[in-house]
Amino acid sequence: MYDNKQYDVIIIGGSYAGLSAALALGRARRNVLLIDSGKPCNRSAPHSHNFLTHDGSVPAEISKVGKQQVMAYPSIDFLDDLVVAADGSDLNFAVTTSAGLKVSSRK
């Protein structure tokens, strides 16, 4: 499915920033692939602080709710995998994952 689809944007990393970017692009009806390895940099933090409306929350729970909200947009696909290579130039990018999947995007 993923390798036959031309995406507008591929986002590498599905933590707060990646989810936020996907949400904005999904609302703009862009075809987005969000690739995440499931190992966010804040995975060892017991709580998130200085995050408005989520102060003291567990980072994984914040990400879980964020992913649920993002996935409500039909133009967004999510892939559990690790990106091992990316190359290209504007309007013609290619990403390869550890599972050997190659996907392309404009951005």
PDB file of N, CA and C in Angstrom:
ATOM      1  N   MET A   1       0.820  -1.195   0.000  1.00  0.00           N
ATOM      2  CA  MET A   1       0.000   0.000   0.000  1.00  0.00           C
ATOM      3  C   MET A   1       0.862   1.256   0.000  1.00  0.00           C
ATOM      4  N   TYR A   2       1.824   1.328   0.918  1.00  0.00           N
ATOM      5  CA  TYR A   2       2.620   2.540   1.069  1.00  0.00           C
ATOM      6  C   TYR A   2       3.507   2.807  -0.139  1.00  0.00           C
ATOM      7  N   ASP A   3       4.090   1.756  -0.701  1.00  0.00           N
ATOM      8  CA  ASP A   3       5.046   1.947  -1.783  1.00  0.00           C
ATOM      9  C   ASP A   3       4.383   2.261  -3.129  1.00  0.00           C
ATOM     10  N   ASN A   4       3.093   2.112  -3.247  1.00  0.00           N
ATOM     11  CA  ASN A   4       2.401   2.438  -4.492  1.00  0.00           C
ATOM     12  C   ASN A   4       1.739   3.805  -4.452  1.00  0.00           C
ATOM     13  N   LYS A   5       1.871   4.494  -3.363  1.00  0.00           N
ATOM     14  CA  LYS A   5       1.183   5.776  -3.186  1.00  0.00           C
ATOM     15  C   LYS A   5       2.196   6.919  -3.220  1.00  0.00           C
ATOM     16  N   GLN A   6       1.869   7.960  -3.939  1.00  0.00           N
ATOM     17  CA  GLN A   6       2.708   9.158  -3.955  1.00  0.00           C
ATOM     18  C   GLN A   6       2.192  10.094  -2.862  1.00  0.00           C
ATOM     19  N   TYR A   7       3.019  10.341  -1.874  1.00  0.00           N
ATOM     20  CA  TYR A   7       2.640  11.223  -0.767  1.00  0.00           C
ATOM     21  C   TYR A   7       3.058  12.651  -1.059  1.00  0.00           C
ATOM     22  N   ASP A   8       2.314  13.579  -0.493  1.00  0.00           N
ATOM     23  CA  ASP A   8       2.736  14.979  -0.548  1.00  0.00           C
ATOM     24  C   ASP A   8       3.902  15.186   0.408  1.00  0.00           C
ATOM     25  N   VAL A   9       3.803  14.557   1.584  1.00  0.00           N
ATOM     26  CA  VAL A   9       4.813  14.738   2.624  1.00  0.00           C
ATOM     27  C   VAL A   9       5.025  13.419   3.364  1.00  0.00           C
ATOM     28  N   ILE A  10       6.288  13.118   3.670  1.00  0.00           N
ATOM     29  CA  ILE A  10       6.612  12.029   4.589  1.00  0.00           C
ATOM     30  C   ILE A  10       7.226  12.673   5.830  1.00  0.00           C
ATOM     31  N   ILE A  11       6.673  12.337   6.980  1.00  0.00           N
ATOM     32  CA  ILE A  11       7.176  12.846   8.258  1.00  0.00           C
ATOM     33  C   ILE A  11       7.889  11.696   8.957  1.00  0.00           C
ATOM     34  N   ILE A  12       9.113  11.943   9.361  1.00  0.00           N
ATOM     35  CA  ILE A  12       9.900  10.933  10.063  1.00  0.00           C
ATOM     36  C   ILE A  12       9.889  11.284  11.545  1.00  0.00           C
ATOM     37  N   GLY A  13       9.255  10.442  12.337  1.00  0.00           N
ATOM     38  CA  GLY A  13       9.147  10.661  13.781  1.00  0.00           C
ATOM     39  C   GLY A  13       7.730  11.013  14.179  1.00  0.00           C
ATOM     40  N   GLY A  14       7.146  10.181  15.024  1.00  0.00           N
ATOM     41  CA  GLY A  14       5.748  10.356  15.390  1.00  0.00           C
ATOM     42  C   GLY A  14       5.522  10.765  16.824  1.00  0.00           C
ATOM     43  N   SER A  15       6.424  11.569  17.371  1.00  0.00           N
ATOM     44  CA  SER A  15       6.187  12.095  18.711  1.00  0.00           C
ATOM     45  C   SER A  15       5.463  13.432  18.573  1.00  0.00           C
ATOM     46  N   TYR A  16       5.624  14.304  19.509  1.00  0.00           N
ATOM     47  CA  TYR A  16       4.824  15.534  19.535  1.00  0.00           C
ATOM     48  C   TYR A  16       4.950  16.377  18.264  1.00  0.00           C
ATOM     49  N   ALA A  17       6.165  16.652  17.831  1.00  0.00           N
ATOM     50  CA  ALA A  17       6.366  17.510  16.661  1.00  0.00           C
ATOM     51  C   ALA A  17       5.844  16.855  15.384  1.00  0.00           C
ATOM     52  N   GLY A  18       6.155  15.572  15.208  1.00  0.00           N
ATOM     53  CA  GLY A  18       5.685  14.856  14.022  1.00  0.00           C
ATOM     54  C   GLY A  18       4.175  14.772  13.969  1.00  0.00           C
ATOM     55  N   LEU A  19       3.555  14.475  15.112  1.00  0.00           N
ATOM     56  CA  LEU A  19       2.093  14.408  15.168  1.00  0.00           C
ATOM     57  C   LEU A  19       1.467  15.766  14.895  1.00  0.00           C
ATOM     58  N   SER A  20       2.065  16.805  15.431  1.00  0.00           N
ATOM     59  CA  SER A  20       1.552  18.156  15.211  1.00  0.00           C
ATOM     60  C   SER A  20       1.625  18.547  13.738  1.00  0.00           C
ATOM     61  N   ALA A  21       2.755  18.229  13.102  1.00  0.00           N
ATOM     62  CA  ALA A  21       2.910  18.524  11.672  1.00  0.00           C
ATOM     63  C   ALA A  21       1.903  17.731  10.856  1.00  0.00           C
ATOM     64  N   ALA A  22       1.722  16.450  11.191  1.00  0.00           N
ATOM     65  CA  ALA A  22       0.769  15.606  10.468  1.00  0.00           C
ATOM     66  C   ALA A  22      -0.655  16.139  10.622  1.00  0.00           C
ATOM     67  N   LEU A  23      -0.992  16.606  11.808  1.00  0.00           N
ATOM     68  CA  LEU A  23      -2.329  17.147  12.052  1.00  0.00           C
ATOM     69  C   LEU A  23      -2.593  18.359  11.164  1.00  0.00           C
ATOM     70  N   ALA A  24      -1.640  19.274  11.116  1.00  0.00           N
ATOM     71  CA  ALA A  24      -1.813  20.474  10.286  1.00  0.00           C
ATOM     72  C   ALA A  24      -1.930  20.116   8.809  1.00  0.00           C
ATOM     73  N   LEU A  25      -1.099  19.196   8.359  1.00  0.00           N
ATOM     74  CA  LEU A  25      -1.133  18.794   6.947  1.00  0.00           C
ATOM     75  C   LEU A  25      -2.388  17.988   6.621  1.00  0.00           C
ATOM     76  N   GLY A  26      -2.803  17.140   7.536  1.00  0.00           N
ATOM     77  CA  GLY A  26      -4.025  16.373   7.332  1.00  0.00           C
ATOM     78  C   GLY A  26      -5.251  17.260   7.242  1.00  0.00           C
ATOM     79  N   ARG A  27      -5.284  18.287   8.078  1.00  0.00           N
ATOM     80  CA  ARG A  27      -6.396  19.249   8.022  1.00  0.00           C
ATOM     81  C   ARG A  27      -6.395  20.009   6.700  1.00  0.00           C
ATOM     82  N   ALA A  28      -5.220  20.142   6.095  1.00  0.00           N
ATOM     83  CA  ALA A  28      -5.089  20.806   4.794  1.00  0.00           C
ATOM     84  C   ALA A  28      -5.292  19.820   3.643  1.00  0.00           C
ATOM     85  N   ARG A  29      -5.698  18.599   3.974  1.00  0.00           N
ATOM     86  CA  ARG A  29      -5.998  17.552   3.001  1.00  0.00           C
ATOM     87  C   ARG A  29      -4.794  17.138   2.155  1.00  0.00           C
ATOM     88  N   ARG A  30      -3.651  17.143   2.777  1.00  0.00           N
ATOM     89  CA  ARG A  30      -2.444  16.646   2.117  1.00  0.00           C
ATOM     90  C   ARG A  30      -2.324  15.153   2.381  1.00  0.00           C
ATOM     91  N   ASN A  31      -1.783  14.406   1.431  1.00  0.00           N
ATOM     92  CA  ASN A  31      -1.508  12.988   1.629  1.00  0.00           C
ATOM     93  C   ASN A  31      -0.204  12.865   2.393  1.00  0.00           C
ATOM     94  N   VAL A  32      -0.291  12.354   3.614  1.00  0.00           N
ATOM     95  CA  VAL A  32       0.845  12.332   4.529  1.00  0.00           C
ATOM     96  C   VAL A  32       1.126  10.901   4.978  1.00  0.00           C
ATOM     97  N   LEU A  33       2.408  10.558   5.017  1.00  0.00           N
ATOM     98  CA  LEU A  33       2.844   9.317   5.639  1.00  0.00           C
ATOM     99  C   LEU A  33       3.693   9.693   6.843  1.00  0.00           C
ATOM    100  N   LEU A  34       3.289   9.226   8.003  1.00  0.00           N
ATOM    101  CA  LEU A  34       4.030   9.448   9.237  1.00  0.00           C
ATOM    102  C   LEU A  34       4.706   8.137   9.595  1.00  0.00           C
ATOM    103  N   ILE A  35       6.034   8.140   9.622  1.00  0.00           N
ATOM    104  CA  ILE A  35       6.798   6.930   9.933  1.00  0.00           C
ATOM    105  C   ILE A  35       7.420   7.094  11.311  1.00  0.00           C
ATOM    106  N   ASP A  36       7.169   6.114  12.176  1.00  0.00           N
ATOM    107  CA  ASP A  36       7.668   6.209  13.548  1.00  0.00           C
ATOM    108  C   ASP A  36       8.178   4.854  14.017  1.00  0.00           C
ATOM    109  N   SER A  37       9.335   4.859  14.656  1.00  0.00           N
ATOM    110  CA  SER A  37       9.946   3.624  15.152  1.00  0.00           C
ATOM    111  C   SER A  37       9.437   3.242  16.536  1.00  0.00           C
ATOM    112  N   GLY A  38       8.666   4.122  17.167  1.00  0.00           N
ATOM    113  CA  GLY A  38       8.143   3.831  18.498  1.00  0.00           C
ATOM    114  C   GLY A  38       9.144   4.054  19.613  1.00  0.00           C
ATOM    115  N   LYS A  39      10.224   4.775  19.309  1.00  0.00           N
ATOM    116  CA  LYS A  39      11.241   5.043  20.322  1.00  0.00           C
ATOM    117  C   LYS A  39      11.492   6.549  20.433  1.00  0.00           C
ATOM    118  N   PRO A  40      10.548   7.287  21.019  1.00  0.00           N
ATOM    119  CA  PRO A  40      10.718   8.739  21.124  1.00  0.00           C
ATOM    120  C   PRO A  40      11.865   9.097  22.071  1.00  0.00           C
ATOM    121  N   CYS A  41      12.428  10.252  21.880  1.00  0.00           N
ATOM    122  CA  CYS A  41      13.564  10.666  22.708  1.00  0.00           C
ATOM    123  C   CYS A  41      13.144  10.893  24.165  1.00  0.00           C
ATOM    124  N   ASN A  42      11.841  11.097  24.420  1.00  0.00           N
ATOM    125  CA  ASN A  42      11.388  11.333  25.793  1.00  0.00           C
ATOM    126  C   ASN A  42      10.852  10.060  26.454  1.00  0.00           C
ATOM    127  N   ARG A  43      11.152   8.888  25.897  1.00  0.00           N
ATOM    128  CA  ARG A  43      10.571   7.635  26.392  1.00  0.00           C
ATOM    129  C   ARG A  43      10.993   7.292  27.818  1.00  0.00           C
ATOM    130  N   SER A  44      12.112   7.817  28.280  1.00  0.00           N
ATOM    131  CA  SER A  44      12.536   7.518  29.648  1.00  0.00           C
ATOM    132  C   SER A  44      12.029   8.550  30.656  1.00  0.00           C
ATOM    133  N   ALA A  45      11.404   9.606  30.185  1.00  0.00           N
ATOM    134  CA  ALA A  45      10.881  10.632  31.090  1.00  0.00           C
ATOM    135  C   ALA A  45       9.586  10.139  31.735  1.00  0.00           C
ATOM    136  N   PRO A  46       9.516  10.183  33.062  1.00  0.00           N
ATOM    137  CA  PRO A  46       8.311   9.697  33.726  1.00  0.00           C
ATOM    138  C   PRO A  46       7.107  10.623  33.552  1.00  0.00           C
ATOM    139  N   HIS A  47       7.370  11.917  33.356  1.00  0.00           N
ATOM    140  CA  HIS A  47       6.288  12.884  33.221  1.00  0.00           C
ATOM    141  C   HIS A  47       6.704  14.004  32.277  1.00  0.00           C
ATOM    142  N   SER A  48       5.728  14.615  31.655  1.00  0.00           N
ATOM    143  CA  SER A  48       5.966  15.769  30.793  1.00  0.00           C
ATOM    144  C   SER A  48       5.638  17.036  31.585  1.00  0.00           C
ATOM    145  N   HIS A  49       6.504  18.013  31.518  1.00  0.00           N
ATOM    146  CA  HIS A  49       6.270  19.265  32.243  1.00  0.00           C
ATOM    147  C   HIS A  49       6.371  20.450  31.297  1.00  0.00           C
ATOM    148  N   ASN A  50       5.751  21.537  31.673  1.00  0.00           N
ATOM    149  CA  ASN A  50       5.715  22.780  30.894  1.00  0.00           C
ATOM    150  C   ASN A  50       5.024  22.583  29.549  1.00  0.00           C
ATOM    151  N   PHE A  51       4.087  21.661  29.498  1.00  0.00           N
ATOM    152  CA  PHE A  51       3.306  21.398  28.292  1.00  0.00           C
ATOM    153  C   PHE A  51       1.868  21.759  28.653  1.00  0.00           C
ATOM    154  N   LEU A  52       1.402  22.874  28.147  1.00  0.00           N
ATOM    155  CA  LEU A  52       0.093  23.409  28.496  1.00  0.00           C
ATOM    156  C   LEU A  52      -1.000  22.356  28.352  1.00  0.00           C
ATOM    157  N   THR A  53      -1.808  22.205  29.336  1.00  0.00           N
ATOM    158  CA  THR A  53      -2.921  21.254  29.501  1.00  0.00           C
ATOM    159  C   THR A  53      -2.464  19.827  29.745  1.00  0.00           C
ATOM    160  N   HIS A  54      -1.157  19.560  29.717  1.00  0.00           N
ATOM    161  CA  HIS A  54      -0.656  18.209  29.950  1.00  0.00           C
ATOM    162  C   HIS A  54       0.460  18.172  30.984  1.00  0.00           C
ATOM    163  N   ASP A  55       0.613  19.212  31.774  1.00  0.00           N
ATOM    164  CA  ASP A  55       1.690  19.252  32.754  1.00  0.00           C
ATOM    165  C   ASP A  55       1.562  18.076  33.723  1.00  0.00           C
ATOM    166  N   GLY A  56       2.613  17.287  33.831  1.00  0.00           N
ATOM    167  CA  GLY A  56       2.630  16.136  34.716  1.00  0.00           C
ATOM    168  C   GLY A  56       2.130  14.851  34.094  1.00  0.00           C
ATOM    169  N   SER A  57       1.682  14.902  32.850  1.00  0.00           N
ATOM    170  CA  SER A  57       1.187  13.696  32.180  1.00  0.00           C
ATOM    171  C   SER A  57       2.337  12.807  31.716  1.00  0.00           C
ATOM    172  N   VAL A  58       2.037  11.535  31.525  1.00  0.00           N
ATOM    173  CA  VAL A  58       3.021  10.571  31.004  1.00  0.00           C
ATOM    174  C   VAL A  58       3.171  10.817  29.495  1.00  0.00           C
ATOM    175  N   PRO A  59       4.397  10.996  28.990  1.00  0.00           N
ATOM    176  CA  PRO A  59       4.593  11.287  27.564  1.00  0.00           C
ATOM    177  C   PRO A  59       3.916  10.295  26.621  1.00  0.00           C
ATOM    178  N   ALA A  60       3.957   9.012  26.939  1.00  0.00           N
ATOM    179  CA  ALA A  60       3.348   8.010  26.062  1.00  0.00           C
ATOM    180  C   ALA A  60       1.834   8.212  25.949  1.00  0.00           C
ATOM    181  N   GLU A  61       1.206   8.652  27.024  1.00  0.00           N
ATOM    182  CA  GLU A  61      -0.247   8.894  26.986  1.00  0.00           C
ATOM    183  C   GLU A  61      -0.577  10.108  26.116  1.00  0.00           C
ATOM    184  N   ILE A  62       0.255  11.135  26.194  1.00  0.00           N
ATOM    185  CA  ILE A  62       0.049  12.323  25.356  1.00  0.00           C
ATOM    186  C   ILE A  62       0.164  11.929  23.889  1.00  0.00           C
ATOM    187  N   SER A  63       1.185  11.152  23.559  1.00  0.00           N
ATOM    188  CA  SER A  63       1.384  10.698  22.180  1.00  0.00           C
ATOM    189  C   SER A  63       0.235   9.804  21.714  1.00  0.00           C
ATOM    190  N   LYS A  64      -0.262   8.959  22.594  1.00  0.00           N
ATOM    191  CA  LYS A  64      -1.364   8.059  22.244  1.00  0.00           C
ATOM    192  C   LYS A  64      -2.610   8.850  21.842  1.00  0.00           C
ATOM    193  N   VAL A  65      -2.950   9.842  22.638  1.00  0.00           N
ATOM    194  CA  VAL A  65      -4.115  10.689  22.331  1.00  0.00           C
ATOM    195  C   VAL A  65      -3.863  11.472  21.047  1.00  0.00           C
ATOM    196  N   GLY A  66      -2.657  11.998  20.898  1.00  0.00           N
ATOM    197  CA  GLY A  66      -2.306  12.739  19.683  1.00  0.00           C
ATOM    198  C   GLY A  66      -2.440  11.880  18.441  1.00  0.00           C
ATOM    199  N   LYS A  67      -1.964  10.649  18.517  1.00  0.00           N
ATOM    200  CA  LYS A  67      -2.044   9.746  17.367  1.00  0.00           C
ATOM    201  C   LYS A  67      -3.504   9.438  17.026  1.00  0.00           C
ATOM    202  N   GLN A  68      -4.337   9.232  18.030  1.00  0.00           N
ATOM    203  CA  GLN A  68      -5.762   8.976  17.788  1.00  0.00           C
ATOM    204  C   GLN A  68      -6.404  10.148  17.053  1.00  0.00           C
ATOM    205  N   GLN A  69      -6.066  11.355  17.461  1.00  0.00           N
ATOM    206  CA  GLN A  69      -6.638  12.540  16.820  1.00  0.00           C
ATOM    207  C   GLN A  69      -6.138  12.689  15.397  1.00  0.00           C
ATOM    208  N   VAL A  70      -4.857  12.463  15.174  1.00  0.00           N
ATOM    209  CA  VAL A  70      -4.263  12.581  13.838  1.00  0.00           C
ATOM    210  C   VAL A  70      -4.840  11.540  12.890  1.00  0.00           C
ATOM    211  N   MET A  71      -5.005  10.321  13.376  1.00  0.00           N
ATOM    212  CA  MET A  71      -5.473   9.242  12.516  1.00  0.00           C
ATOM    213  C   MET A  71      -6.954   9.371  12.134  1.00  0.00           C
ATOM    214  N   ALA A  72      -7.631  10.360  12.681  1.00  0.00           N
ATOM    215  CA  ALA A  72      -9.020  10.623  12.282  1.00  0.00           C
ATOM    216  C   ALA A  72      -9.086  11.235  10.882  1.00  0.00           C
ATOM    217  N   TYR A  73      -7.947  11.684  10.371  1.00  0.00           N
ATOM    218  CA  TYR A  73      -7.895  12.296   9.041  1.00  0.00           C
ATOM    219  C   TYR A  73      -7.551  11.227   8.007  1.00  0.00           C
ATOM    220  N   PRO A  74      -8.435  11.007   7.047  1.00  0.00           N
ATOM    221  CA  PRO A  74      -8.223   9.920   6.086  1.00  0.00           C
ATOM    222  C   PRO A  74      -7.029  10.107   5.161  1.00  0.00           C
ATOM    223  N   SER A  75      -6.489  11.303   5.064  1.00  0.00           N
ATOM    224  CA  SER A  75      -5.350  11.527   4.172  1.00  0.00           C
ATOM    225  C   SER A  75      -4.009  11.234   4.846  1.00  0.00           C
ATOM    226  N   ILE A  76      -4.058  10.756   6.104  1.00  0.00           N
ATOM    227  CA  ILE A  76      -2.829  10.461   6.849  1.00  0.00           C
ATOM    228  C   ILE A  76      -2.696   8.956   7.044  1.00  0.00           C
ATOM    229  N   ASP A  77      -1.539   8.415   6.664  1.00  0.00           N
ATOM    230  CA  ASP A  77      -1.202   7.022   6.915  1.00  0.00           C
ATOM    231  C   ASP A  77      -0.099   6.980   7.961  1.00  0.00           C
ATOM    232  N   PHE A  78      -0.088   5.935   8.764  1.00  0.00           N
ATOM    233  CA  PHE A  78       0.920   5.767   9.809  1.00  0.00           C
ATOM    234  C   PHE A  78       1.644   4.452   9.575  1.00  0.00           C
ATOM    235  N   LEU A  79       2.952   4.473   9.659  1.00  0.00           N
ATOM    236  CA  LEU A  79       3.760   3.281   9.456  1.00  0.00           C
ATOM    237  C   LEU A  79       4.687   3.086  10.652  1.00  0.00           C
ATOM    238  N   ASP A  80       4.572   1.932  11.314  1.00  0.00           N
ATOM    239  CA  ASP A  80       5.485   1.568  12.399  1.00  0.00           C
ATOM    240  C   ASP A  80       6.734   0.968  11.777  1.00  0.00           C
ATOM    241  N   ASP A  81       7.790   1.760  11.657  1.00  0.00           N
ATOM    242  CA  ASP A  81       9.029   1.306  11.039  1.00  0.00           C
ATOM    243  C   ASP A  81      10.117   2.333  11.348  1.00  0.00           C
ATOM    244  N   LEU A  82      11.322   2.025  10.957  1.00  0.00           N
ATOM    245  CA  LEU A  82      12.472   2.909  11.176  1.00  0.00           C
ATOM    246  C   LEU A  82      13.028   3.336   9.831  1.00  0.00           C
ATOM    247  N   VAL A  83      13.189   4.630   9.629  1.00  0.00           N
ATOM    248  CA  VAL A  83      13.776   5.132   8.389  1.00  0.00           C
ATOM    249  C   VAL A  83      15.287   4.944   8.465  1.00  0.00           C
ATOM    250  N   VAL A  84      15.846   4.318   7.430  1.00  0.00           N
ATOM    251  CA  VAL A  84      17.294   4.074   7.400  1.00  0.00           C
ATOM    252  C   VAL A  84      17.993   4.894   6.317  1.00  0.00           C
ATOM    253  N   ALA A  85      17.221   5.436   5.370  1.00  0.00           N
ATOM    254  CA  ALA A  85      17.817   6.271   4.321  1.00  0.00           C
ATOM    255  C   ALA A  85      16.754   7.204   3.751  1.00  0.00           C
ATOM    256  N   ALA A  86      17.220   8.371   3.364  1.00  0.00           N
ATOM    257  CA  ALA A  86      16.352   9.348   2.706  1.00  0.00           C
ATOM    258  C   ALA A  86      17.210  10.147   1.738  1.00  0.00           C
ATOM    259  N   ASP A  87      16.687  10.352   0.540  1.00  0.00           N
ATOM    260  CA  ASP A  87      17.421  11.162  -0.426  1.00  0.00           C
ATOM    261  C   ASP A  87      16.443  11.790  -1.413  1.00  0.00           C
ATOM    262  N   GLY A  88      16.981  12.661  -2.227  1.00  0.00           N
ATOM    263  CA  GLY A  88      16.165  13.311  -3.244  1.00  0.00           C
ATOM    264  C   GLY A  88      16.331  14.804  -3.232  1.00  0.00           C
ATOM    265  N   SER A  89      15.470  15.443  -3.997  1.00  0.00           N
ATOM    266  CA  SER A  89      15.447  16.896  -4.069  1.00  0.00           C
ATOM    267  C   SER A  89      13.994  17.333  -4.111  1.00  0.00           C
ATOM    268  N   ASP A  90      13.777  18.628  -4.066  1.00  0.00           N
ATOM    269  CA  ASP A  90      12.422  19.166  -3.986  1.00  0.00           C
ATOM    270  C   ASP A  90      11.497  18.519  -5.013  1.00  0.00           C
ATOM    271  N   LEU A  91      10.375  18.047  -4.547  1.00  0.00           N
ATOM    272  CA  LEU A  91       9.308  17.399  -5.310  1.00  0.00           C
ATOM    273  C   LEU A  91       9.614  15.961  -5.705  1.00  0.00           C
ATOM    274  N   ASN A  92      10.752  15.425  -5.249  1.00  0.00           N
ATOM    275  CA  ASN A  92      11.102  14.050  -5.603  1.00  0.00           C
ATOM    276  C   ASN A  92      11.992  13.435  -4.513  1.00  0.00           C
ATOM    277  N   PHE A  93      11.366  13.013  -3.417  1.00  0.00           N
ATOM    278  CA  PHE A  93      12.103  12.413  -2.310  1.00  0.00           C
ATOM    279  C   PHE A  93      11.800  10.929  -2.214  1.00  0.00           C
ATOM    280  N   ALA A  94      12.756  10.162  -1.712  1.00  0.00           N
ATOM    281  CA  ALA A  94      12.568   8.731  -1.481  1.00  0.00           C
ATOM    282  C   ALA A  94      13.073   8.393  -0.089  1.00  0.00           C
ATOM    283  N   VAL A  95      12.316   7.564   0.593  1.00  0.00           N
ATOM    284  CA  VAL A  95      12.660   7.133   1.945  1.00  0.00           C
ATOM    285  C   VAL A  95      12.666   5.612   1.961  1.00  0.00           C
ATOM    286  N   THR A  96      13.669   5.032   2.613  1.00  0.00           N
ATOM    287  CA  THR A  96      13.761   3.581   2.757  1.00  0.00           C
ATOM    288  C   THR A  96      13.694   3.246   4.243  1.00  0.00           C
ATOM    289  N   THR A  97      12.931   2.209   4.574  1.00  0.00           N
ATOM    290  CA  THR A  97      12.787   1.805   5.970  1.00  0.00           C
ATOM    291  C   THR A  97      13.596   0.543   6.260  1.00  0.00           C
ATOM    292  N   SER A  98      13.713   0.224   7.532  1.00  0.00           N
ATOM    293  CA  SER A  98      14.467  -0.973   7.925  1.00  0.00           C
ATOM    294  C   SER A  98      13.803  -2.257   7.426  1.00  0.00           C
ATOM    295  N   ALA A  99      12.513  -2.212   7.140  1.00  0.00           N
ATOM    296  CA  ALA A  99      11.806  -3.374   6.593  1.00  0.00           C
ATOM    297  C   ALA A  99      11.989  -3.487   5.078  1.00  0.00           C
ATOM    298  N   GLY A 100      12.741  -2.546   4.477  1.00  0.00           N
ATOM    299  CA  GLY A 100      12.996  -2.574   3.044  1.00  0.00           C
ATOM    300  C   GLY A 100      11.950  -1.881   2.198  1.00  0.00           C
ATOM    301  N   LEU A 101      11.024  -1.217   2.821  1.00  0.00           N
ATOM    302  CA  LEU A 101       9.980  -0.496   2.104  1.00  0.00           C
ATOM    303  C   LEU A 101      10.545   0.821   1.565  1.00  0.00           C
ATOM    304  N   LYS A 102      10.239   1.138   0.299  1.00  0.00           N
ATOM    305  CA  LYS A 102      10.649   2.407  -0.294  1.00  0.00           C
ATOM    306  C   LYS A 102       9.392   3.191  -0.621  1.00  0.00           C
ATOM    307  N   VAL A 103       9.339   4.412  -0.125  1.00  0.00           N
ATOM    308  CA  VAL A 103       8.193   5.290  -0.371  1.00  0.00           C
ATOM    309  C   VAL A 103       8.688   6.622  -0.900  1.00  0.00           C
ATOM    310  N   SER A 104       7.827   7.303  -1.649  1.00  0.00           N
ATOM    311  CA  SER A 104       8.239   8.577  -2.223  1.00  0.00           C
ATOM    312  C   SER A 104       7.258   9.679  -1.853  1.00  0.00           C
ATOM    313  N   SER A 105       7.764  10.888  -1.918  1.00  0.00           N
ATOM    314  CA  SER A 105       6.929  12.057  -1.595  1.00  0.00           C
ATOM    315  C   SER A 105       7.464  13.284  -2.322  1.00  0.00           C
ATOM    316  N   ARG A 106       6.614  14.297  -2.329  1.00  0.00           N
ATOM    317  CA  ARG A 106       7.009  15.572  -2.921  1.00  0.00           C
ATOM    318  C   ARG A 106       7.851  16.388  -1.942  1.00  0.00           C
ATOM    319  N   LYS A 107       7.568  16.237  -0.659  1.00  0.00           N
ATOM    320  CA  LYS A 107       8.290  16.996   0.384  1.00  0.00           C
ATOM    321  C   LYS A 107       8.727  16.061   1.483  1.00  0.00           C
TER     322      LYS A 107
END
